[in-house]
Amino acid sequence: MTWNRRELLAGLGVGSASLLLAFGCSAPAQQVRRVPIVRDDVRTWLRDAVSRLATVYPQVHALAVTRRRTTAALDIIGRGVARTRRDGVVISIRDKDGVRREYATAELTKAGVNAAWRALAGGKLAAKDLVFPEPPRPGAEPMEIPDHALRNRVGAIMRGDKSGSTRIVYAAALIDIDDVTVWSIAPGMDLEHQSRRVRKRVVRAAWNGSRPSVSEVERGWVGEVDDHHLTEEQVTNASLNAMLLMTPGAFSDGESTVVLEPAVTASIVDAAVRGLFTSSSARRPEVARRLALGAAVAAPALTLVDDPRAPGAYGGFPFDDEGVPAAAITLLDQGKVAGRLASGRARRPGHVGLLAPSSSHLRLVPGIGSRLALYTDGWLLEGKVSATFDPASDRMVVAVARAKEITAGNLSGRVYADVELVGDLGPLLANVSGVAEEAETSVIREEIGGEPMWRSITAPWMRTRGKLRARRRQT
């Protein structure tokens, strides 16, 4: 029997959409433009649309985006490079009664923009004499990197593995680049921003008995492709973690002290913020009652800030998809509710999807002292798998790749795969008894309706207490 790459990745549980795209195993994104876009032409089309709609509607906003995605990957079977492009326009209006309507199109041309404003106006409109500010002048668009240069880069990542083991049954390296230019225009507003988001990722898989053990390491930022690298230590550790020999026998369920590595902490923070700390979630009565401003909902050691202007943040941006300038918002201040994601966090997946409040770059403020000082009898949880949270019941389930036993402040050598931390979020955050000064950043490129939403979370090692159990698998 032979397997193709899609079947191999699915069997190992690493069926990443990015890997499938790079190797040509998935349908390419819709191609909507074959000629270059002139920035000032886009600005002229959007200004004209806004000027016409402003004669009828008190609030008008036009958003346009052109996005290129380049994905290069190398695995034990071969290598591939995929390039896709996506353009879009969203024009929104609000009438005198406050009713909002919008029109979205993938046709970023003069004809496409004209069709959008005419659909909203119901016909032709004369242009209103509006004064727009001097437009910004971003730098030159990032240059496309040739295929051979990308292949060399993913090859260098793959060669960074110094473990030298033959037990690895699958290995892959990935570089994923999103080049995005956004225009945001309304009466008295003319904004433009361009960014290059870069992810570098390594995947390693080895067999642990009859089940695969998968380990990943990832890094992401806004900047140039060579601004940061996955180090040899990080790549080698991914292989070593995949090859860890697991302790025989079943994992014993029970409550315990747990130390969370930054990626696991980040998964909890991300799920909690999406479920509780947005203006839309606050409309749920059960959330509003629990999270009134000033309410103590976590340990005093926890302060959480969402800062889209953090330098180089993968999820950062200078203005949201309604044109509101980005600014830091404190969500938790020493364990007390201090704010929610509302104005300045209106985001559209891919800048063209449905508008909703969302985080950008979350930062859990580090504590004092080394992560080793957090070790006490209990378990160290490593390897983010997933985190699910139900705001109605406060129930959270955090799946991790490995649980390592800690005895008398040291790792005992006992390791169990596929463990879950389960329980209510409130007690999990209230029981935090230590936060280390060392922190790491996790990046997320989530597909929502086929469009990407970029987020990042910087989190430290953290100690808390909760119930552990062997992971429940979907049938």
Protein backbone atom coordinates (compact mmCIF):
# COMPACT_ATOMS: atom_id res chain seq x y z
CA MET A 1 0.00 0.00 0.00
CA THR A 2 1.25 3.50 -0.84
CA TRP A 3 0.21 6.80 0.71
CA ASN A 4 0.22 10.20 -0.91
CA ARG A 5 1.42 13.23 1.02
CA ARG A 6 -2.07 14.31 2.09
CA GLU A 7 -2.78 10.87 3.56
CA LEU A 8 0.62 10.80 5.27
CA LEU A 9 0.10 14.19 6.91
CA ALA A 10 -3.44 13.29 7.97
CA GLY A 11 -2.26 9.99 9.43
CA LEU A 12 0.38 11.74 11.49
CA GLY A 13 -2.03 14.48 12.58
CA VAL A 14 -0.02 17.29 10.95
CA GLY A 15 -2.28 18.08 7.99
CA SER A 16 -1.30 21.76 8.00
CA ALA A 17 -3.09 23.87 5.39
CA SER A 18 0.16 25.75 4.75
CA LEU A 19 2.08 22.54 4.03
CA LEU A 20 -0.68 21.25 1.78
CA LEU A 21 -0.71 24.54 -0.13
CA ALA A 22 3.06 24.58 -0.63
CA PHE A 23 3.08 21.02 -1.94
CA GLY A 24 0.11 21.58 -4.24
CA CYS A 25 -2.20 19.29 -2.25
CA SER A 26 -5.00 21.83 -1.91
CA ALA A 27 -6.93 24.12 -4.20
CA PRO A 28 -5.20 27.47 -4.77
CA ALA A 29 -6.76 30.68 -3.56
CA GLN A 30 -8.86 32.54 -6.11
CA GLN A 31 -6.75 34.52 -8.54
CA VAL A 32 -8.47 37.82 -9.23
CA ARG A 33 -5.82 40.03 -10.82
CA ARG A 34 -3.08 39.55 -13.37
CA VAL A 35 -1.75 43.11 -13.67
CA PRO A 36 0.02 45.31 -11.09
CA ILE A 37 -2.03 47.67 -8.96
CA VAL A 38 -1.13 51.36 -8.92
CA ARG A 39 -1.62 52.67 -5.39
CA ASP A 40 -2.77 56.15 -6.34
CA ASP A 41 -5.32 54.68 -8.74
CA VAL A 42 -6.86 52.70 -5.87
CA ARG A 43 -6.91 55.83 -3.73
CA THR A 44 -8.67 57.80 -6.49
CA TRP A 45 -11.35 55.10 -6.96
CA LEU A 46 -12.06 54.89 -3.22
CA ARG A 47 -12.15 58.66 -2.73
CA ASP A 48 -14.61 58.99 -5.57
CA ALA A 49 -16.86 56.29 -4.08
CA VAL A 50 -16.77 57.91 -0.63
CA SER A 51 -17.47 61.38 -2.05
CA ARG A 52 -20.55 60.13 -3.88
CA LEU A 53 -22.01 58.08 -1.04
CA ALA A 54 -21.39 60.92 1.46
CA THR A 55 -24.04 63.00 -0.34
CA VAL A 56 -26.68 60.58 0.99
CA TYR A 57 -25.26 58.77 4.03
CA PRO A 58 -23.82 60.36 7.21
CA GLN A 59 -21.19 57.60 7.60
CA VAL A 60 -19.20 56.08 4.75
CA HIS A 61 -16.05 53.97 4.81
CA ALA A 62 -14.12 52.27 2.01
CA LEU A 63 -11.54 49.55 2.63
CA ALA A 64 -9.39 47.94 -0.05
CA VAL A 65 -6.69 45.28 0.17
CA THR A 66 -4.28 43.49 -2.08
CA ARG A 67 -2.65 40.44 -0.58
CA ARG A 68 0.04 38.10 -1.88
CA ARG A 69 0.84 34.84 -0.15
CA THR A 70 4.04 32.91 -0.76
CA THR A 71 4.54 29.52 0.89
CA ALA A 72 7.68 27.41 0.56
CA ALA A 73 8.09 24.01 2.22
CA LEU A 74 10.47 21.08 2.26
CA ASP A 75 9.81 17.63 3.69
CA ILE A 76 11.20 14.11 3.40
CA ILE A 77 9.29 13.60 0.14
CA GLY A 78 10.19 16.77 -1.74
CA ARG A 79 9.82 20.53 -1.81
CA GLY A 80 7.39 23.05 -3.23
CA VAL A 81 6.60 26.75 -3.57
CA ALA A 82 3.07 28.15 -3.95
CA ARG A 83 2.05 31.73 -4.74
CA THR A 84 -1.48 33.09 -4.51
CA ARG A 85 -3.06 36.52 -4.70
CA ARG A 86 -6.25 37.99 -3.27
CA ASP A 87 -7.71 41.48 -3.81
CA GLY A 88 -10.80 42.93 -2.23
CA VAL A 89 -12.95 46.00 -1.59
CA VAL A 90 -15.50 46.54 1.20
CA ILE A 91 -17.61 49.71 1.20
CA SER A 92 -19.75 50.34 4.31
CA ILE A 93 -22.50 52.89 4.91
CA ARG A 94 -24.68 53.82 7.86
CA ASP A 95 -27.92 55.75 7.30
CA LYS A 96 -29.49 58.40 9.51
CA ASP A 97 -31.35 55.70 11.45
CA GLY A 98 -28.09 53.92 12.26
CA VAL A 99 -28.73 50.97 9.93
CA ARG A 100 -25.49 49.63 8.49
CA ARG A 101 -25.04 48.07 5.07
CA GLU A 102 -21.95 47.05 3.16
CA TYR A 103 -20.90 45.72 -0.21
CA ALA A 104 -17.88 43.51 -0.74
CA THR A 105 -16.22 42.52 -4.02
CA ALA A 106 -13.03 40.79 -5.10
CA GLU A 107 -12.75 43.14 -8.08
CA LEU A 108 -10.22 45.83 -7.11
CA THR A 109 -10.61 47.86 -10.31
CA LYS A 110 -12.30 51.13 -11.18
CA ALA A 111 -15.28 49.21 -12.55
CA GLY A 112 -15.45 47.01 -9.44
CA VAL A 113 -15.42 49.98 -7.03
CA ASN A 114 -18.01 51.84 -9.12
CA ALA A 115 -20.27 48.78 -9.08
CA ALA A 116 -19.94 48.63 -5.28
CA TRP A 117 -21.00 52.21 -4.55
CA ARG A 118 -23.79 52.10 -7.13
CA ALA A 119 -25.19 48.94 -5.53
CA LEU A 120 -25.32 50.73 -2.17
CA ALA A 121 -26.74 53.98 -3.62
CA GLY A 122 -29.28 52.28 -5.85
CA GLY A 123 -28.10 54.30 -8.85
CA LYS A 124 -25.89 57.22 -9.83
CA LEU A 125 -24.88 59.97 -7.42
CA ALA A 126 -23.05 63.22 -7.89
CA ALA A 127 -19.81 63.57 -5.92
CA LYS A 128 -19.76 65.68 -2.77
CA ASP A 129 -16.90 68.13 -2.42
CA LEU A 130 -14.85 66.51 0.37
CA VAL A 131 -11.43 67.46 1.68
CA PHE A 132 -9.10 64.50 2.27
CA PRO A 133 -5.83 64.75 4.18
CA GLU A 134 -2.48 64.35 2.45
CA PRO A 135 -2.10 60.62 1.81
CA PRO A 136 0.68 58.71 3.54
CA ARG A 137 3.63 57.52 1.51
CA PRO A 138 4.65 54.02 2.56
CA GLY A 139 7.91 52.64 1.29
CA ALA A 140 8.35 50.46 -1.76
CA GLU A 141 6.46 47.18 -1.88
CA PRO A 142 8.47 44.20 -0.64
CA MET A 143 10.19 42.40 -3.50
CA GLU A 144 9.13 38.89 -4.38
CA ILE A 145 11.69 36.29 -3.38
CA PRO A 146 12.60 33.88 -6.21
CA ASP A 147 11.63 30.24 -5.83
CA HIS A 148 15.22 29.03 -5.71
CA ALA A 149 16.04 31.46 -2.86
CA LEU A 150 13.03 30.24 -0.87
CA ARG A 151 14.03 26.62 -1.45
CA ASN A 152 17.52 27.42 -0.18
CA ARG A 153 16.08 29.00 2.95
CA VAL A 154 13.81 26.09 3.86
CA GLY A 155 16.72 23.76 3.13
CA ALA A 156 18.87 25.67 5.61
CA ILE A 157 16.14 25.32 8.25
CA MET A 158 15.95 21.57 7.65
CA ARG A 159 19.73 21.22 7.91
CA GLY A 160 19.63 22.94 11.31
CA ASP A 161 18.54 19.66 12.89
CA LYS A 162 21.61 18.25 14.67
CA SER A 163 19.85 15.38 16.43
CA GLY A 164 21.15 12.88 13.85
CA SER A 165 18.41 10.38 14.62
CA THR A 166 16.87 7.89 12.20
CA ARG A 167 13.74 7.55 14.37
CA ILE A 168 12.11 10.61 12.81
CA VAL A 169 9.50 9.34 10.34
CA TYR A 170 8.42 12.75 9.05
CA ALA A 171 10.23 16.10 8.93
CA ALA A 172 9.18 19.36 7.31
CA ALA A 173 10.27 23.01 7.23
CA LEU A 174 8.04 25.88 6.13
CA ILE A 175 8.31 29.58 5.30
CA ASP A 176 4.97 31.39 4.94
CA ILE A 177 4.88 35.04 3.78
CA ASP A 178 1.86 37.37 3.59
CA ASP A 179 2.48 40.68 1.78
CA VAL A 180 -0.47 42.98 2.44
CA THR A 181 -1.35 46.53 1.42
CA VAL A 182 -4.47 48.11 2.93
CA TRP A 183 -6.23 51.38 2.08
CA SER A 184 -8.81 52.87 4.49
CA ILE A 185 -10.69 55.97 3.31
CA ALA A 186 -13.60 57.95 4.78
CA PRO A 187 -14.55 61.65 4.86
CA GLY A 188 -11.53 63.41 6.38
CA MET A 189 -9.48 60.18 6.51
CA ASP A 190 -6.99 58.65 4.09
CA LEU A 191 -4.84 55.81 5.45
CA GLU A 192 -2.56 53.28 3.84
CA HIS A 193 -0.43 50.54 5.32
CA GLN A 194 1.71 47.75 3.97
CA SER A 195 3.31 44.88 5.85
CA ARG A 196 5.12 41.61 5.30
CA ARG A 197 4.19 38.90 7.80
CA VAL A 198 6.63 36.01 7.99
CA ARG A 199 6.27 32.60 9.66
CA LYS A 200 8.99 29.97 9.89
CA ARG A 201 7.96 26.54 11.12
CA VAL A 202 9.44 23.09 11.70
CA VAL A 203 7.47 19.85 12.13
CA ARG A 204 8.92 16.56 13.37
CA ALA A 205 7.12 13.25 13.92
CA ALA A 206 8.27 9.92 15.38
CA TRP A 207 6.41 6.81 16.43
CA ASN A 208 5.61 6.34 20.08
CA GLY A 209 4.41 2.77 20.24
CA SER A 210 1.45 2.58 17.86
CA ARG A 211 0.83 6.35 17.81
CA PRO A 212 2.75 9.22 16.22
CA SER A 213 4.42 11.79 18.47
CA VAL A 214 4.53 15.22 16.81
CA SER A 215 6.62 18.22 17.84
CA GLU A 216 6.59 21.66 16.24
CA VAL A 217 8.43 24.95 16.64
CA GLU A 218 7.33 28.19 15.01
CA ARG A 219 8.35 31.83 14.89
CA GLY A 220 6.62 34.80 13.26
CA TRP A 221 7.06 38.55 12.88
CA VAL A 222 6.42 41.58 10.67
CA GLY A 223 9.51 42.52 8.70
CA GLU A 224 11.87 40.90 6.25
CA VAL A 225 12.29 37.18 5.73
CA ASP A 226 15.80 37.10 7.18
CA ASP A 227 15.13 39.35 10.20
CA HIS A 228 14.81 36.27 12.44
CA HIS A 229 15.63 32.59 12.22
CA LEU A 230 14.78 29.30 13.84
CA THR A 231 17.97 28.41 15.67
CA GLU A 232 19.74 25.06 15.48
CA GLU A 233 18.82 24.51 19.13
CA GLN A 234 15.10 25.08 18.42
CA VAL A 235 15.07 22.79 15.37
CA THR A 236 17.06 20.06 17.13
CA ASN A 237 14.82 20.24 20.20
CA ALA A 238 11.77 19.72 17.97
CA SER A 239 13.26 16.38 16.90
CA LEU A 240 14.31 15.44 20.42
CA ASN A 241 10.82 16.18 21.76
CA ALA A 242 9.23 14.04 19.05
CA MET A 243 11.53 11.15 20.00
CA LEU A 244 10.97 11.28 23.75
CA LEU A 245 10.33 7.83 25.15
CA MET A 246 7.02 7.80 26.99
CA THR A 247 6.55 6.17 30.37
CA PRO A 248 4.70 2.84 30.07
CA GLY A 249 1.22 2.61 31.50
CA ALA A 250 -1.77 4.90 31.68
CA PHE A 251 -1.69 8.44 32.99
CA SER A 252 -3.42 8.81 36.38
CA ASP A 253 -6.12 11.49 36.36
CA GLY A 254 -6.22 13.97 39.22
CA GLU A 255 -5.72 17.52 40.43
CA SER A 256 -2.15 18.75 40.53
CA THR A 257 0.15 21.74 40.39
CA VAL A 258 1.14 22.42 36.77
CA VAL A 259 3.80 24.56 35.12
CA LEU A 260 2.77 25.76 31.67
CA GLU A 261 5.31 26.50 28.95
CA PRO A 262 4.69 29.81 27.09
CA ALA A 263 2.92 28.21 24.10
CA VAL A 264 0.43 26.50 26.43
CA THR A 265 -0.09 29.69 28.42
CA ALA A 266 -0.65 31.53 25.13
CA SER A 267 -3.32 29.06 24.00
CA ILE A 268 -5.26 29.64 27.24
CA VAL A 269 -4.93 33.42 26.97
CA ASP A 270 -6.03 33.44 23.33
CA ALA A 271 -9.12 31.29 23.97
CA ALA A 272 -10.11 33.31 27.05
CA VAL A 273 -9.80 36.66 25.28
CA ARG A 274 -11.86 35.50 22.30
CA GLY A 275 -14.57 34.17 24.59
CA LEU A 276 -14.71 36.92 27.22
CA PHE A 277 -12.84 40.12 26.43
CA THR A 278 -14.50 41.44 23.27
CA SER A 279 -17.41 43.86 23.01
CA SER A 280 -19.48 41.18 21.25
CA SER A 281 -18.87 38.56 23.96
CA ALA A 282 -19.74 41.16 26.63
CA ARG A 283 -23.29 41.27 25.23
CA ARG A 284 -23.84 37.78 26.60
CA PRO A 285 -25.54 38.20 30.02
CA GLU A 286 -23.46 35.49 31.70
CA VAL A 287 -20.25 37.18 30.54
CA ALA A 288 -21.38 40.70 31.45
CA ARG A 289 -22.21 39.62 35.01
CA ARG A 290 -18.83 37.99 35.60
CA LEU A 291 -16.62 40.49 33.84
CA ALA A 292 -17.77 43.89 35.03
CA LEU A 293 -14.98 46.46 34.92
CA GLY A 294 -12.95 46.26 38.11
CA ALA A 295 -14.02 42.70 38.93
CA ALA A 296 -11.24 40.46 40.27
CA VAL A 297 -11.21 37.43 37.97
CA ALA A 298 -7.59 36.26 38.14
CA ALA A 299 -4.54 36.18 40.39
CA PRO A 300 -2.91 39.58 41.07
CA ALA A 301 0.19 38.35 39.22
CA LEU A 302 -1.65 38.55 35.89
CA THR A 303 -1.67 41.72 33.78
CA LEU A 304 -2.73 41.35 30.15
CA VAL A 305 -2.37 43.97 27.40
CA ASP A 306 -3.34 43.89 23.73
CA ASP A 307 -0.86 46.06 21.82
CA PRO A 308 -1.06 46.13 18.01
CA ARG A 309 1.76 48.69 17.87
CA ALA A 310 4.34 46.39 19.48
CA PRO A 311 7.45 46.46 17.24
CA GLY A 312 7.50 43.58 14.78
CA ALA A 313 4.37 41.94 16.22
CA TYR A 314 2.98 39.30 13.84
CA GLY A 315 -0.61 40.26 14.72
CA GLY A 316 0.03 44.00 14.87
CA PHE A 317 -1.35 46.81 12.68
CA PRO A 318 -1.37 50.65 12.68
CA PHE A 319 -5.17 50.99 12.25
CA ASP A 320 -8.10 48.60 12.39
CA ASP A 321 -10.48 47.76 9.54
CA GLU A 322 -12.70 50.76 10.36
CA GLY A 323 -9.72 53.10 10.20
CA VAL A 324 -9.42 53.64 13.97
CA PRO A 325 -5.75 54.20 14.96
CA ALA A 326 -4.33 51.31 16.94
CA ALA A 327 -3.51 51.79 20.62
CA ALA A 328 -2.72 49.46 23.51
CA ILE A 329 -5.69 48.24 25.57
CA THR A 330 -5.18 46.79 29.06
CA LEU A 331 -7.58 43.89 29.55
CA LEU A 332 -6.42 42.66 32.96
CA ASP A 333 -4.66 44.85 35.49
CA GLN A 334 -3.23 42.79 38.35
CA GLY A 335 -6.05 40.28 38.00
CA LYS A 336 -8.88 42.83 37.65
CA VAL A 337 -10.91 43.47 34.50
CA ALA A 338 -9.63 46.73 33.00
CA GLY A 339 -11.02 46.80 29.45
CA ARG A 340 -12.44 45.01 26.42
CA LEU A 341 -11.60 44.81 22.74
CA ALA A 342 -13.94 47.24 21.01
CA SER A 343 -12.97 50.51 19.28
CA GLY A 344 -9.67 50.06 17.50
CA ARG A 345 -10.05 46.26 17.24
CA ALA A 346 -12.67 45.92 14.49
CA ARG A 347 -11.05 43.37 12.19
CA ARG A 348 -12.00 41.47 9.06
CA PRO A 349 -10.39 38.14 8.17
CA GLY A 350 -8.09 38.97 5.28
CA HIS A 351 -9.44 42.56 5.57
CA VAL A 352 -12.48 41.48 3.50
CA GLY A 353 -14.44 39.09 5.78
CA LEU A 354 -17.11 39.81 8.38
CA LEU A 355 -16.27 42.63 10.78
CA ALA A 356 -15.81 41.61 14.43
CA PRO A 357 -13.66 42.66 17.41
CA SER A 358 -10.49 40.61 17.72
CA SER A 359 -7.16 40.70 19.51
CA SER A 360 -3.95 41.65 17.75
CA HIS A 361 -0.78 41.12 19.80
CA LEU A 362 -1.56 39.98 23.34
CA ARG A 363 1.13 40.37 25.96
CA LEU A 364 0.93 38.73 29.38
CA VAL A 365 3.29 40.79 31.52
CA PRO A 366 6.21 38.62 32.78
CA GLY A 367 6.95 38.15 36.44
CA ILE A 368 10.24 37.96 38.34
CA GLY A 369 12.59 35.02 38.54
CA SER A 370 13.54 32.01 36.47
CA ARG A 371 11.08 29.43 35.18
CA LEU A 372 13.04 26.83 37.15
CA ALA A 373 11.92 28.58 40.32
CA LEU A 374 8.35 27.58 39.41
CA TYR A 375 9.15 23.88 39.59
CA THR A 376 7.50 22.12 42.49
CA ASP A 377 5.88 18.71 42.82
CA GLY A 378 3.52 18.37 39.88
CA TRP A 379 3.74 18.43 36.09
CA LEU A 380 5.35 20.49 33.35
CA LEU A 381 2.97 20.79 30.37
CA GLU A 382 4.59 21.23 26.95
CA GLY A 383 3.50 21.29 23.34
CA LYS A 384 0.39 23.29 22.50
CA VAL A 385 -2.26 21.17 20.77
CA SER A 386 -5.55 23.02 21.30
CA ALA A 387 -7.58 25.03 23.81
CA THR A 388 -11.38 25.13 23.81
CA PHE A 389 -13.46 27.40 26.02
CA ASP A 390 -17.20 27.72 26.62
CA PRO A 391 -18.07 31.17 28.04
CA ALA A 392 -21.50 29.98 29.18
CA SER A 393 -20.18 27.25 31.48
CA ASP A 394 -16.64 28.64 32.00
CA ARG A 395 -15.38 25.19 30.98
CA MET A 396 -11.90 25.01 29.45
CA VAL A 397 -10.06 22.03 27.97
CA VAL A 398 -6.38 22.48 27.13
CA ALA A 399 -4.78 19.63 25.19
CA VAL A 400 -0.98 19.37 25.34
CA ALA A 401 1.52 17.06 23.68
CA ARG A 402 3.48 16.07 26.80
CA ALA A 403 3.31 16.10 30.58
CA LYS A 404 6.66 15.76 32.39
CA GLU A 405 6.66 14.90 36.07
CA ILE A 406 8.34 17.34 38.49
CA THR A 407 9.54 15.96 41.82
CA ALA A 408 11.40 18.01 44.44
CA GLY A 409 12.00 20.80 41.94
CA ASN A 410 13.47 18.59 39.20
CA LEU A 411 12.18 16.61 36.24
CA SER A 412 11.89 12.97 37.29
CA GLY A 413 12.15 11.53 33.77
CA ARG A 414 8.54 10.29 33.63
CA VAL A 415 6.80 11.62 30.49
CA TYR A 416 3.24 11.01 29.27
CA ALA A 417 1.84 11.94 25.87
CA ASP A 418 -1.58 13.40 25.05
CA VAL A 419 -2.69 14.97 28.34
CA GLU A 420 -5.48 17.48 28.98
CA LEU A 421 -5.81 20.22 31.58
CA VAL A 422 -9.54 20.56 32.29
CA GLY A 423 -11.76 22.63 34.55
CA ASP A 424 -13.25 26.10 34.93
CA LEU A 425 -11.23 29.04 33.63
CA GLY A 426 -11.92 31.19 36.71
CA PRO A 427 -10.19 28.90 39.23
CA LEU A 428 -7.42 28.14 36.72
CA LEU A 429 -6.52 31.85 36.56
CA ALA A 430 -7.17 32.50 40.25
CA ASN A 431 -4.81 29.67 41.23
CA VAL A 432 -1.82 31.15 39.41
CA SER A 433 0.98 31.15 41.99
CA GLY A 434 3.99 32.08 39.87
CA VAL A 435 4.91 33.86 36.65
CA ALA A 436 8.46 33.69 35.30
CA GLU A 437 10.41 36.53 33.73
CA GLU A 438 11.20 34.41 30.66
CA ALA A 439 8.65 34.70 27.86
CA GLU A 440 8.17 33.53 24.27
CA THR A 441 5.88 34.59 21.43
CA SER A 442 3.36 32.33 19.71
CA VAL A 443 1.86 33.21 16.33
CA ILE A 444 -1.49 32.21 14.84
CA ARG A 445 -2.60 32.33 11.21
CA GLU A 446 -6.21 31.21 11.45
CA GLU A 447 -8.37 30.68 8.37
CA ILE A 448 -11.90 32.07 8.84
CA GLY A 449 -14.15 31.56 5.85
CA GLY A 450 -11.09 30.99 3.71
CA GLU A 451 -9.48 34.29 4.78
CA PRO A 452 -6.55 34.68 7.23
CA MET A 453 -6.68 36.28 10.65
CA TRP A 454 -3.25 37.03 12.08
CA ARG A 455 -2.68 37.08 15.85
CA SER A 456 0.27 36.75 18.21
CA ILE A 457 0.67 36.23 21.97
CA THR A 458 3.73 36.83 24.12
CA ALA A 459 3.47 34.80 27.31
CA PRO A 460 5.79 33.64 30.11
CA TRP A 461 6.07 30.31 31.91
CA MET A 462 3.29 30.17 34.50
CA ARG A 463 2.38 27.95 37.46
CA THR A 464 -1.20 27.16 38.44
CA ARG A 465 -3.30 24.27 39.65
CA GLY A 466 -5.93 22.17 37.90
CA LYS A 467 -7.17 18.74 36.93
CA LEU A 468 -5.12 16.61 34.53
CA ARG A 469 -6.37 13.60 32.61
CA ALA A 470 -5.44 11.47 29.62
CA ARG A 471 -6.60 13.17 26.47
CA ARG A 472 -10.10 12.26 25.24
CA ARG A 473 -9.91 11.51 21.54
CA GLN A 474 -12.61 12.22 18.98
CA THR A 475 -14.08 9.08 17.44
